[in-house]
Amino acid sequence: EVLALLRCPHTSLPLREAGTDELAHWN
């Protein structure tokens, strides 16, 4: 319910949690 309220400050798009593979990619 908190995640549903959050928006990206750059794009104003909704945010989602990074998955394991995606987190490894960003790291």
mmCIF file of all heavy atoms, coordinates in Angstrom:
data_MODEL
# 
_entry.id   MODEL 
# 
loop_
_atom_site.group_PDB 
_atom_site.id 
_atom_site.type_symbol 
_atom_site.label_atom_id 
_atom_site.label_alt_id 
_atom_site.label_comp_id 
_atom_site.label_asym_id 
_atom_site.label_entity_id 
_atom_site.label_seq_id 
_atom_site.pdbx_PDB_ins_code 
_atom_site.Cartn_x 
_atom_site.Cartn_y 
_atom_site.Cartn_z 
_atom_site.occupancy 
_atom_site.B_iso_or_equiv 
_atom_site.pdbx_formal_charge 
_atom_site.auth_seq_id 
_atom_site.auth_comp_id 
_atom_site.auth_asym_id 
_atom_site.auth_atom_id 
_atom_site.pdbx_PDB_model_num 
ATOM 1   N N   . GLU A 1 1  ? 0.825  -1.213  0.000   1.00 0.00 ? 1  GLU A N   1 
ATOM 2   C CA  . GLU A 1 1  ? 0.000  0.000   0.000   1.00 0.00 ? 1  GLU A CA  1 
ATOM 3   C C   . GLU A 1 1  ? 0.859  1.263   0.000   1.00 0.00 ? 1  GLU A C   1 
ATOM 4   O O   . GLU A 1 1  ? 0.450  2.295   -0.545  1.00 0.00 ? 1  GLU A O   1 
ATOM 5   C CB  . GLU A 1 1  ? -0.998 0.006   1.163   1.00 0.00 ? 1  GLU A CB  1 
ATOM 6   C CG  . GLU A 1 1  ? -0.390 -0.081  2.536   1.00 0.00 ? 1  GLU A CG  1 
ATOM 7   C CD  . GLU A 1 1  ? -0.129 -1.492  3.043   1.00 0.00 ? 1  GLU A CD  1 
ATOM 8   O OE1 . GLU A 1 1  ? -0.248 -2.466  2.276   1.00 0.00 ? 1  GLU A OE1 1 
ATOM 9   O OE2 . GLU A 1 1  ? 0.214  -1.614  4.227   1.00 0.00 ? 1  GLU A OE2 1 
ATOM 10  N N   . VAL A 1 2  ? 2.055  1.194   0.565   1.00 0.00 ? 2  VAL A N   1 
ATOM 11  C CA  . VAL A 1 2  ? 2.984  2.334   0.533   1.00 0.00 ? 2  VAL A CA  1 
ATOM 12  C C   . VAL A 1 2  ? 3.627  2.414   -0.850  1.00 0.00 ? 2  VAL A C   1 
ATOM 13  O O   . VAL A 1 2  ? 3.704  3.491   -1.446  1.00 0.00 ? 2  VAL A O   1 
ATOM 14  C CB  . VAL A 1 2  ? 4.049  2.210   1.638   1.00 0.00 ? 2  VAL A CB  1 
ATOM 15  C CG1 . VAL A 1 2  ? 5.105  3.300   1.499   1.00 0.00 ? 2  VAL A CG1 1 
ATOM 16  C CG2 . VAL A 1 2  ? 3.405  2.259   3.013   1.00 0.00 ? 2  VAL A CG2 1 
ATOM 17  N N   . LEU A 1 3  ? 4.072  1.285   -1.367  1.00 0.00 ? 3  LEU A N   1 
ATOM 18  C CA  . LEU A 1 3  ? 4.704  1.255   -2.684  1.00 0.00 ? 3  LEU A CA  1 
ATOM 19  C C   . LEU A 1 3  ? 3.763  1.803   -3.761  1.00 0.00 ? 3  LEU A C   1 
ATOM 20  O O   . LEU A 1 3  ? 4.193  2.511   -4.672  1.00 0.00 ? 3  LEU A O   1 
ATOM 21  C CB  . LEU A 1 3  ? 5.134  -0.175  -3.023  1.00 0.00 ? 3  LEU A CB  1 
ATOM 22  C CG  . LEU A 1 3  ? 5.982  -0.360  -4.267  1.00 0.00 ? 3  LEU A CG  1 
ATOM 23  C CD1 . LEU A 1 3  ? 7.265  0.460   -4.186  1.00 0.00 ? 3  LEU A CD1 1 
ATOM 24  C CD2 . LEU A 1 3  ? 6.315  -1.824  -4.458  1.00 0.00 ? 3  LEU A CD2 1 
ATOM 25  N N   . ALA A 1 4  ? 2.481  1.544   -3.630  1.00 0.00 ? 4  ALA A N   1 
ATOM 26  C CA  . ALA A 1 4  ? 1.500  2.028   -4.612  1.00 0.00 ? 4  ALA A CA  1 
ATOM 27  C C   . ALA A 1 4  ? 1.423  3.555   -4.642  1.00 0.00 ? 4  ALA A C   1 
ATOM 28  O O   . ALA A 1 4  ? 1.014  4.132   -5.653  1.00 0.00 ? 4  ALA A O   1 
ATOM 29  C CB  . ALA A 1 4  ? 0.128  1.446   -4.304  1.00 0.00 ? 4  ALA A CB  1 
ATOM 30  N N   . LEU A 1 5  ? 1.842  4.209   -3.577  1.00 0.00 ? 5  LEU A N   1 
ATOM 31  C CA  . LEU A 1 5  ? 1.792  5.676   -3.508  1.00 0.00 ? 5  LEU A CA  1 
ATOM 32  C C   . LEU A 1 5  ? 3.060  6.347   -4.031  1.00 0.00 ? 5  LEU A C   1 
ATOM 33  O O   . LEU A 1 5  ? 3.038  7.534   -4.353  1.00 0.00 ? 5  LEU A O   1 
ATOM 34  C CB  . LEU A 1 5  ? 1.576  6.121   -2.058  1.00 0.00 ? 5  LEU A CB  1 
ATOM 35  C CG  . LEU A 1 5  ? 0.291  5.657   -1.393  1.00 0.00 ? 5  LEU A CG  1 
ATOM 36  C CD1 . LEU A 1 5  ? 0.306  6.023   0.079   1.00 0.00 ? 5  LEU A CD1 1 
ATOM 37  C CD2 . LEU A 1 5  ? -0.915 6.241   -2.094  1.00 0.00 ? 5  LEU A CD2 1 
ATOM 38  N N   . LEU A 1 6  ? 4.159  5.607   -4.100  1.00 0.00 ? 6  LEU A N   1 
ATOM 39  C CA  . LEU A 1 6  ? 5.442  6.193   -4.465  1.00 0.00 ? 6  LEU A CA  1 
ATOM 40  C C   . LEU A 1 6  ? 5.566  6.413   -5.971  1.00 0.00 ? 6  LEU A C   1 
ATOM 41  O O   . LEU A 1 6  ? 5.117  5.601   -6.771  1.00 0.00 ? 6  LEU A O   1 
ATOM 42  C CB  . LEU A 1 6  ? 6.585  5.297   -3.979  1.00 0.00 ? 6  LEU A CB  1 
ATOM 43  C CG  . LEU A 1 6  ? 6.653  5.078   -2.469  1.00 0.00 ? 6  LEU A CG  1 
ATOM 44  C CD1 . LEU A 1 6  ? 7.795  4.128   -2.135  1.00 0.00 ? 6  LEU A CD1 1 
ATOM 45  C CD2 . LEU A 1 6  ? 6.809  6.399   -1.736  1.00 0.00 ? 6  LEU A CD2 1 
ATOM 46  N N   . ARG A 1 7  ? 6.212  7.521   -6.330  1.00 0.00 ? 7  ARG A N   1 
ATOM 47  C CA  . ARG A 1 7  ? 6.444  7.873   -7.731  1.00 0.00 ? 7  ARG A CA  1 
ATOM 48  C C   . ARG A 1 7  ? 7.897  8.283   -7.906  1.00 0.00 ? 7  ARG A C   1 
ATOM 49  O O   . ARG A 1 7  ? 8.523  8.828   -7.016  1.00 0.00 ? 7  ARG A O   1 
ATOM 50  C CB  . ARG A 1 7  ? 5.546  9.033   -8.177  1.00 0.00 ? 7  ARG A CB  1 
ATOM 51  C CG  . ARG A 1 7  ? 4.058  8.727   -8.160  1.00 0.00 ? 7  ARG A CG  1 
ATOM 52  C CD  . ARG A 1 7  ? 3.720  7.719   -9.243  1.00 0.00 ? 7  ARG A CD  1 
ATOM 53  N NE  . ARG A 1 7  ? 2.321  7.360   -9.310  1.00 0.00 ? 7  ARG A NE  1 
ATOM 54  C CZ  . ARG A 1 7  ? 1.780  6.303   -8.719  1.00 0.00 ? 7  ARG A CZ  1 
ATOM 55  N NH1 . ARG A 1 7  ? 2.511  5.511   -7.973  1.00 0.00 ? 7  ARG A NH1 1 
ATOM 56  N NH2 . ARG A 1 7  ? 0.504  6.029   -8.864  1.00 0.00 ? 7  ARG A NH2 1 
ATOM 57  N N   . CYS A 1 8  ? 8.414  8.059   -9.091  1.00 0.00 ? 8  CYS A N   1 
ATOM 58  C CA  . CYS A 1 8  ? 9.774  8.443   -9.440  1.00 0.00 ? 8  CYS A CA  1 
ATOM 59  C C   . CYS A 1 8  ? 9.854  9.976   -9.524  1.00 0.00 ? 8  CYS A C   1 
ATOM 60  O O   . CYS A 1 8  ? 9.065  10.591  -10.249 1.00 0.00 ? 8  CYS A O   1 
ATOM 61  C CB  . CYS A 1 8  ? 10.147 7.823   -10.786 1.00 0.00 ? 8  CYS A CB  1 
ATOM 62  S SG  . CYS A 1 8  ? 11.721 8.393   -11.443 1.00 0.00 ? 8  CYS A SG  1 
ATOM 63  N N   . PRO A 1 9  ? 10.809 10.606  -8.813  1.00 0.00 ? 9  PRO A N   1 
ATOM 64  C CA  . PRO A 1 9  ? 10.955 12.056  -8.899  1.00 0.00 ? 9  PRO A CA  1 
ATOM 65  C C   . PRO A 1 9  ? 11.351 12.544  -10.293 1.00 0.00 ? 9  PRO A C   1 
ATOM 66  O O   . PRO A 1 9  ? 11.105 13.691  -10.632 1.00 0.00 ? 9  PRO A O   1 
ATOM 67  C CB  . PRO A 1 9  ? 12.064 12.373  -7.899  1.00 0.00 ? 9  PRO A CB  1 
ATOM 68  C CG  . PRO A 1 9  ? 12.106 11.229  -6.962  1.00 0.00 ? 9  PRO A CG  1 
ATOM 69  C CD  . PRO A 1 9  ? 11.686 10.038  -7.781  1.00 0.00 ? 9  PRO A CD  1 
ATOM 70  N N   . HIS A 1 10 ? 11.960 11.689  -11.105 1.00 0.00 ? 10 HIS A N   1 
ATOM 71  C CA  . HIS A 1 10 ? 12.395 12.083  -12.456 1.00 0.00 ? 10 HIS A CA  1 
ATOM 72  C C   . HIS A 1 10 ? 11.292 11.923  -13.495 1.00 0.00 ? 10 HIS A C   1 
ATOM 73  O O   . HIS A 1 10 ? 11.106 12.779  -14.351 1.00 0.00 ? 10 HIS A O   1 
ATOM 74  C CB  . HIS A 1 10 ? 13.602 11.249  -12.909 1.00 0.00 ? 10 HIS A CB  1 
ATOM 75  C CG  . HIS A 1 10 ? 14.852 11.573  -12.180 1.00 0.00 ? 10 HIS A CG  1 
ATOM 76  N ND1 . HIS A 1 10 ? 15.615 12.680  -12.452 1.00 0.00 ? 10 HIS A ND1 1 
ATOM 77  C CD2 . HIS A 1 10 ? 15.477 10.933  -11.170 1.00 0.00 ? 10 HIS A CD2 1 
ATOM 78  C CE1 . HIS A 1 10 ? 16.653 12.720  -11.646 1.00 0.00 ? 10 HIS A CE1 1 
ATOM 79  N NE2 . HIS A 1 10 ? 16.589 11.666  -10.852 1.00 0.00 ? 10 HIS A NE2 1 
ATOM 80  N N   . THR A 1 11 ? 10.578 10.794  -13.445 1.00 0.00 ? 11 THR A N   1 
ATOM 81  C CA  . THR A 1 11 ? 9.622  10.466  -14.506 1.00 0.00 ? 11 THR A CA  1 
ATOM 82  C C   . THR A 1 11 ? 8.163  10.558  -14.070 1.00 0.00 ? 11 THR A C   1 
ATOM 83  O O   . THR A 1 11 ? 7.288  10.494  -14.916 1.00 0.00 ? 11 THR A O   1 
ATOM 84  C CB  . THR A 1 11 ? 9.865  9.033   -15.017 1.00 0.00 ? 11 THR A CB  1 
ATOM 85  O OG1 . THR A 1 11 ? 9.566  8.118   -13.945 1.00 0.00 ? 11 THR A OG1 1 
ATOM 86  C CG2 . THR A 1 11 ? 11.296 8.843   -15.498 1.00 0.00 ? 11 THR A CG2 1 
ATOM 87  N N   . SER A 1 12 ? 7.920  10.632  -12.781 1.00 0.00 ? 12 SER A N   1 
ATOM 88  C CA  . SER A 1 12 ? 6.565  10.609  -12.186 1.00 0.00 ? 12 SER A CA  1 
ATOM 89  C C   . SER A 1 12 ? 5.863  9.272   -12.385 1.00 0.00 ? 12 SER A C   1 
ATOM 90  O O   . SER A 1 12 ? 4.668  9.147   -12.119 1.00 0.00 ? 12 SER A O   1 
ATOM 91  C CB  . SER A 1 12 ? 5.697  11.739  -12.728 1.00 0.00 ? 12 SER A CB  1 
ATOM 92  O OG  . SER A 1 12 ? 6.265  12.976  -12.397 1.00 0.00 ? 12 SER A OG  1 
ATOM 93  N N   . LEU A 1 13 ? 6.590  8.259   -12.853 1.00 0.00 ? 13 LEU A N   1 
ATOM 94  C CA  . LEU A 1 13 ? 6.015  6.922   -13.027 1.00 0.00 ? 13 LEU A CA  1 
ATOM 95  C C   . LEU A 1 13 ? 5.963  6.197   -11.692 1.00 0.00 ? 13 LEU A C   1 
ATOM 96  O O   . LEU A 1 13 ? 6.744  6.497   -10.779 1.00 0.00 ? 13 LEU A O   1 
ATOM 97  C CB  . LEU A 1 13 ? 6.855  6.107   -14.012 1.00 0.00 ? 13 LEU A CB  1 
ATOM 98  C CG  . LEU A 1 13 ? 6.847  6.578   -15.454 1.00 0.00 ? 13 LEU A CG  1 
ATOM 99  C CD1 . LEU A 1 13 ? 7.886  5.813   -16.262 1.00 0.00 ? 13 LEU A CD1 1 
ATOM 100 C CD2 . LEU A 1 13 ? 5.465  6.402   -16.057 1.00 0.00 ? 13 LEU A CD2 1 
ATOM 101 N N   . PRO A 1 14 ? 5.075  5.210   -11.555 1.00 0.00 ? 14 PRO A N   1 
ATOM 102 C CA  . PRO A 1 14 ? 5.058  4.389   -10.335 1.00 0.00 ? 14 PRO A CA  1 
ATOM 103 C C   . PRO A 1 14 ? 6.398  3.671   -10.176 1.00 0.00 ? 14 PRO A C   1 
ATOM 104 O O   . PRO A 1 14 ? 7.125  3.447   -11.148 1.00 0.00 ? 14 PRO A O   1 
ATOM 105 C CB  . PRO A 1 14 ? 3.943  3.377   -10.589 1.00 0.00 ? 14 PRO A CB  1 
ATOM 106 C CG  . PRO A 1 14 ? 3.135  3.935   -11.705 1.00 0.00 ? 14 PRO A CG  1 
ATOM 107 C CD  . PRO A 1 14 ? 4.049  4.809   -12.511 1.00 0.00 ? 14 PRO A CD  1 
ATOM 108 N N   . LEU A 1 15 ? 6.701  3.305   -8.941  1.00 0.00 ? 15 LEU A N   1 
ATOM 109 C CA  . LEU A 1 15 ? 7.917  2.550   -8.643  1.00 0.00 ? 15 LEU A CA  1 
ATOM 110 C C   . LEU A 1 15 ? 7.561  1.125   -8.282  1.00 0.00 ? 15 LEU A C   1 
ATOM 111 O O   . LEU A 1 15 ? 6.468  0.850   -7.801  1.00 0.00 ? 15 LEU A O   1 
ATOM 112 C CB  . LEU A 1 15 ? 8.664  3.207   -7.477  1.00 0.00 ? 15 LEU A CB  1 
ATOM 113 C CG  . LEU A 1 15 ? 9.222  4.594   -7.768  1.00 0.00 ? 15 LEU A CG  1 
ATOM 114 C CD1 . LEU A 1 15 ? 9.670  5.264   -6.479  1.00 0.00 ? 15 LEU A CD1 1 
ATOM 115 C CD2 . LEU A 1 15 ? 10.371 4.512   -8.749  1.00 0.00 ? 15 LEU A CD2 1 
ATOM 116 N N   . ARG A 1 16 ? 8.517  0.219   -8.534  1.00 0.00 ? 16 ARG A N   1 
ATOM 117 C CA  . ARG A 1 16 ? 8.355  -1.185  -8.153  1.00 0.00 ? 16 ARG A CA  1 
ATOM 118 C C   . ARG A 1 16 ? 9.662  -1.645  -7.539  1.00 0.00 ? 16 ARG A C   1 
ATOM 119 O O   . ARG A 1 16 ? 10.713 -1.032  -7.757  1.00 0.00 ? 16 ARG A O   1 
ATOM 120 C CB  . ARG A 1 16 ? 7.995  -2.035  -9.365  1.00 0.00 ? 16 ARG A CB  1 
ATOM 121 C CG  . ARG A 1 16 ? 9.011  -1.959  -10.488 1.00 0.00 ? 16 ARG A CG  1 
ATOM 122 C CD  . ARG A 1 16 ? 8.599  -2.822  -11.682 1.00 0.00 ? 16 ARG A CD  1 
ATOM 123 N NE  . ARG A 1 16 ? 9.419  -2.558  -12.836 1.00 0.00 ? 16 ARG A NE  1 
ATOM 124 C CZ  . ARG A 1 16 ? 10.678 -2.952  -13.004 1.00 0.00 ? 16 ARG A CZ  1 
ATOM 125 N NH1 . ARG A 1 16 ? 11.276 -3.654  -12.064 1.00 0.00 ? 16 ARG A NH1 1 
ATOM 126 N NH2 . ARG A 1 16 ? 11.333 -2.666  -14.113 1.00 0.00 ? 16 ARG A NH2 1 
ATOM 127 N N   . GLU A 1 17 ? 9.595  -2.714  -6.767  1.00 0.00 ? 17 GLU A N   1 
ATOM 128 C CA  . GLU A 1 17 ? 10.810 -3.252  -6.168  1.00 0.00 ? 17 GLU A CA  1 
ATOM 129 C C   . GLU A 1 17 ? 11.641 -3.949  -7.238  1.00 0.00 ? 17 GLU A C   1 
ATOM 130 O O   . GLU A 1 17 ? 11.109 -4.629  -8.107  1.00 0.00 ? 17 GLU A O   1 
ATOM 131 C CB  . GLU A 1 17 ? 10.480 -4.209  -5.037  1.00 0.00 ? 17 GLU A CB  1 
ATOM 132 C CG  . GLU A 1 17 ? 9.889  -3.482  -3.844  1.00 0.00 ? 17 GLU A CG  1 
ATOM 133 C CD  . GLU A 1 17 ? 9.745  -4.366  -2.621  1.00 0.00 ? 17 GLU A CD  1 
ATOM 134 O OE1 . GLU A 1 17 ? 10.476 -5.368  -2.506  1.00 0.00 ? 17 GLU A OE1 1 
ATOM 135 O OE2 . GLU A 1 17 ? 8.906  -4.030  -1.775  1.00 0.00 ? 17 GLU A OE2 1 
ATOM 136 N N   . ALA A 1 18 ? 12.947 -3.767  -7.171  1.00 0.00 ? 18 ALA A N   1 
ATOM 137 C CA  . ALA A 1 18 ? 13.861 -4.425  -8.107  1.00 0.00 ? 18 ALA A CA  1 
ATOM 138 C C   . ALA A 1 18 ? 13.955 -5.905  -7.748  1.00 0.00 ? 18 ALA A C   1 
ATOM 139 O O   . ALA A 1 18 ? 14.123 -6.254  -6.584  1.00 0.00 ? 18 ALA A O   1 
ATOM 140 C CB  . ALA A 1 18 ? 15.238 -3.775  -8.043  1.00 0.00 ? 18 ALA A CB  1 
ATOM 141 N N   . GLY A 1 19 ? 13.847 -6.763  -8.774  1.00 0.00 ? 19 GLY A N   1 
ATOM 142 C CA  . GLY A 1 19 ? 14.026 -8.192  -8.574  1.00 0.00 ? 19 GLY A CA  1 
ATOM 143 C C   . GLY A 1 19 ? 15.506 -8.530  -8.418  1.00 0.00 ? 19 GLY A C   1 
ATOM 144 O O   . GLY A 1 19 ? 16.380 -7.683  -8.620  1.00 0.00 ? 19 GLY A O   1 
ATOM 145 N N   . THR A 1 20 ? 15.805 -9.769  -8.081  1.00 0.00 ? 20 THR A N   1 
ATOM 146 C CA  . THR A 1 20 ? 17.178 -10.204 -7.830  1.00 0.00 ? 20 THR A CA  1 
ATOM 147 C C   . THR A 1 20 ? 18.098 -9.963  -9.026  1.00 0.00 ? 20 THR A C   1 
ATOM 148 O O   . THR A 1 20 ? 19.164 -9.374  -8.881  1.00 0.00 ? 20 THR A O   1 
ATOM 149 C CB  . THR A 1 20 ? 17.204 -11.697 -7.442  1.00 0.00 ? 20 THR A CB  1 
ATOM 150 O OG1 . THR A 1 20 ? 16.336 -11.889 -6.329  1.00 0.00 ? 20 THR A OG1 1 
ATOM 151 C CG2 . THR A 1 20 ? 18.601 -12.143 -7.081  1.00 0.00 ? 20 THR A CG2 1 
ATOM 152 N N   . ASP A 1 21 ? 17.691 -10.397 -10.215 1.00 0.00 ? 21 ASP A N   1 
ATOM 153 C CA  . ASP A 1 21 ? 18.528 -10.214 -11.403 1.00 0.00 ? 21 ASP A CA  1 
ATOM 154 C C   . ASP A 1 21 ? 18.668 -8.733  -11.758 1.00 0.00 ? 21 ASP A C   1 
ATOM 155 O O   . ASP A 1 21 ? 19.737 -8.272  -12.140 1.00 0.00 ? 21 ASP A O   1 
ATOM 156 C CB  . ASP A 1 21 ? 17.957 -10.972 -12.602 1.00 0.00 ? 21 ASP A CB  1 
ATOM 157 C CG  . ASP A 1 21 ? 18.059 -12.478 -12.434 1.00 0.00 ? 21 ASP A CG  1 
ATOM 158 O OD1 . ASP A 1 21 ? 18.867 -12.932 -11.595 1.00 0.00 ? 21 ASP A OD1 1 
ATOM 159 O OD2 . ASP A 1 21 ? 17.339 -13.198 -13.135 1.00 0.00 ? 21 ASP A OD2 1 
ATOM 160 N N   . GLU A 1 22 ? 17.567 -8.012  -11.636 1.00 0.00 ? 22 GLU A N   1 
ATOM 161 C CA  . GLU A 1 22 ? 17.586 -6.584  -11.942 1.00 0.00 ? 22 GLU A CA  1 
ATOM 162 C C   . GLU A 1 22 ? 18.474 -5.827  -10.950 1.00 0.00 ? 22 GLU A C   1 
ATOM 163 O O   . GLU A 1 22 ? 19.243 -4.948  -11.333 1.00 0.00 ? 22 GLU A O   1 
ATOM 164 C CB  . GLU A 1 22 ? 16.156 -6.052  -11.893 1.00 0.00 ? 22 GLU A CB  1 
ATOM 165 C CG  . GLU A 1 22 ? 15.998 -4.670  -12.432 1.00 0.00 ? 22 GLU A CG  1 
ATOM 166 C CD  . GLU A 1 22 ? 14.535 -4.292  -12.548 1.00 0.00 ? 22 GLU A CD  1 
ATOM 167 O OE1 . GLU A 1 22 ? 13.719 -4.681  -11.692 1.00 0.00 ? 22 GLU A OE1 1 
ATOM 168 O OE2 . GLU A 1 22 ? 14.228 -3.585  -13.521 1.00 0.00 ? 22 GLU A OE2 1 
ATOM 169 N N   . LEU A 1 23 ? 18.409 -6.192  -9.682  1.00 0.00 ? 23 LEU A N   1 
ATOM 170 C CA  . LEU A 1 23 ? 19.251 -5.570  -8.663  1.00 0.00 ? 23 LEU A CA  1 
ATOM 171 C C   . LEU A 1 23 ? 20.728 -5.834  -8.962  1.00 0.00 ? 23 LEU A C   1 
ATOM 172 O O   . LEU A 1 23 ? 21.563 -4.925  -8.874  1.00 0.00 ? 23 LEU A O   1 
ATOM 173 C CB  . LEU A 1 23 ? 18.877 -6.098  -7.279  1.00 0.00 ? 23 LEU A CB  1 
ATOM 174 C CG  . LEU A 1 23 ? 19.555 -5.446  -6.091  1.00 0.00 ? 23 LEU A CG  1 
ATOM 175 C CD1 . LEU A 1 23 ? 19.246 -3.953  -6.029  1.00 0.00 ? 23 LEU A CD1 1 
ATOM 176 C CD2 . LEU A 1 23 ? 19.111 -6.117  -4.811  1.00 0.00 ? 23 LEU A CD2 1 
ATOM 177 N N   . ALA A 1 24 ? 21.051 -7.049  -9.360  1.00 0.00 ? 24 ALA A N   1 
ATOM 178 C CA  . ALA A 1 24 ? 22.437 -7.380  -9.723  1.00 0.00 ? 24 ALA A CA  1 
ATOM 179 C C   . ALA A 1 24 ? 22.893 -6.538  -10.914 1.00 0.00 ? 24 ALA A C   1 
ATOM 180 O O   . ALA A 1 24 ? 24.033 -6.040  -10.939 1.00 0.00 ? 24 ALA A O   1 
ATOM 181 C CB  . ALA A 1 24 ? 22.567 -8.858  -10.036 1.00 0.00 ? 24 ALA A CB  1 
ATOM 182 N N   . HIS A 1 25 ? 22.012 -6.358  -11.893 1.00 0.00 ? 25 HIS A N   1 
ATOM 183 C CA  . HIS A 1 25 ? 22.330 -5.541  -13.066 1.00 0.00 ? 25 HIS A CA  1 
ATOM 184 C C   . HIS A 1 25 ? 22.633 -4.098  -12.657 1.00 0.00 ? 25 HIS A C   1 
ATOM 185 O O   . HIS A 1 25 ? 23.642 -3.527  -13.066 1.00 0.00 ? 25 HIS A O   1 
ATOM 186 C CB  . HIS A 1 25 ? 21.162 -5.584  -14.056 1.00 0.00 ? 25 HIS A CB  1 
ATOM 187 C CG  . HIS A 1 25 ? 21.294 -4.612  -15.183 1.00 0.00 ? 25 HIS A CG  1 
ATOM 188 N ND1 . HIS A 1 25 ? 22.144 -4.811  -16.239 1.00 0.00 ? 25 HIS A ND1 1 
ATOM 189 C CD2 . HIS A 1 25 ? 20.698 -3.413  -15.399 1.00 0.00 ? 25 HIS A CD2 1 
ATOM 190 C CE1 . HIS A 1 25 ? 22.065 -3.774  -17.067 1.00 0.00 ? 25 HIS A CE1 1 
ATOM 191 N NE2 . HIS A 1 25 ? 21.185 -2.924  -16.578 1.00 0.00 ? 25 HIS A NE2 1 
ATOM 192 N N   . TRP A 1 26 ? 21.763 -3.501  -11.844 1.00 0.00 ? 26 TRP A N   1 
ATOM 193 C CA  . TRP A 1 26 ? 21.973 -2.114  -11.415 1.00 0.00 ? 26 TRP A CA  1 
ATOM 194 C C   . TRP A 1 26 ? 23.229 -1.995  -10.557 1.00 0.00 ? 26 TRP A C   1 
ATOM 195 O O   . TRP A 1 26 ? 23.970 -1.019  -10.674 1.00 0.00 ? 26 TRP A O   1 
ATOM 196 C CB  . TRP A 1 26 ? 20.742 -1.591  -10.675 1.00 0.00 ? 26 TRP A CB  1 
ATOM 197 C CG  . TRP A 1 26 ? 19.677 -1.166  -11.619 1.00 0.00 ? 26 TRP A CG  1 
ATOM 198 C CD1 . TRP A 1 26 ? 18.555 -1.863  -11.956 1.00 0.00 ? 26 TRP A CD1 1 
ATOM 199 C CD2 . TRP A 1 26 ? 19.636 0.037   -12.381 1.00 0.00 ? 26 TRP A CD2 1 
ATOM 200 N NE1 . TRP A 1 26 ? 17.822 -1.151  -12.877 1.00 0.00 ? 26 TRP A NE1 1 
ATOM 201 C CE2 . TRP A 1 26 ? 18.460 0.017   -13.151 1.00 0.00 ? 26 TRP A CE2 1 
ATOM 202 C CE3 . TRP A 1 26 ? 20.485 1.130   -12.492 1.00 0.00 ? 26 TRP A CE3 1 
ATOM 203 C CZ2 . TRP A 1 26 ? 18.106 1.051   -14.011 1.00 0.00 ? 26 TRP A CZ2 1 
ATOM 204 C CZ3 . TRP A 1 26 ? 20.125 2.168   -13.344 1.00 0.00 ? 26 TRP A CZ3 1 
ATOM 205 C CH2 . TRP A 1 26 ? 18.953 2.125   -14.091 1.00 0.00 ? 26 TRP A CH2 1 
ATOM 206 N N   . ASN A 1 27 ? 23.495 -2.972  -9.705  1.00 0.00 ? 27 ASN A N   1 
ATOM 207 C CA  . ASN A 1 27 ? 24.715 -2.933  -8.896  1.00 0.00 ? 27 ASN A CA  1 
ATOM 208 C C   . ASN A 1 27 ? 25.957 -2.939  -9.781  1.00 0.00 ? 27 ASN A C   1 
ATOM 209 O O   . ASN A 1 27 ? 26.915 -2.213  -9.519  1.00 0.00 ? 27 ASN A O   1 
ATOM 210 C CB  . ASN A 1 27 ? 24.748 -4.088  -7.890  1.00 0.00 ? 27 ASN A CB  1 
ATOM 211 C CG  . ASN A 1 27 ? 24.060 -3.733  -6.597  1.00 0.00 ? 27 ASN A CG  1 
ATOM 212 O OD1 . ASN A 1 27 ? 24.210 -2.637  -6.078  1.00 0.00 ? 27 ASN A OD1 1 
ATOM 213 N ND2 . ASN A 1 27 ? 23.294 -4.673  -6.076  1.00 0.00 ? 27 ASN A ND2 1 
# 
